[in-house]
Amino acid sequence: GYSGGMGFLVRSCFRLWTYH
């Protein structure tokens, strides 16, 4: 799994995509 800021950015992008 991801760790640190990288993981946060990835999850944030995924959330944005799912929202659409």
Protein backbone atom coordinates (compact mmCIF):
# COMPACT_ATOMS: atom_id res chain seq x y z
CA GLY A 1 0.00 0.00 0.00
CA TYR A 2 0.94 3.64 -0.28
CA SER A 3 2.41 5.62 2.60
CA GLY A 4 2.88 9.32 3.25
CA GLY A 5 1.66 12.22 1.11
CA MET A 6 1.72 10.04 -2.03
CA GLY A 7 -1.08 7.82 -0.73
CA PHE A 8 -3.14 10.84 0.30
CA LEU A 9 -2.90 12.37 -3.18
CA VAL A 10 -3.82 9.08 -4.84
CA ARG A 11 -6.86 8.59 -2.58
CA SER A 12 -7.92 12.21 -3.11
CA CYS A 13 -7.82 11.79 -6.91
CA PHE A 14 -9.77 8.53 -6.70
CA ARG A 15 -12.43 10.19 -4.52
CA LEU A 16 -12.80 13.03 -7.05
CA TRP A 17 -13.15 10.54 -9.92
CA THR A 18 -15.75 8.48 -8.05
CA TYR A 19 -17.72 11.62 -7.21
CA HIS A 20 -18.28 12.38 -10.92
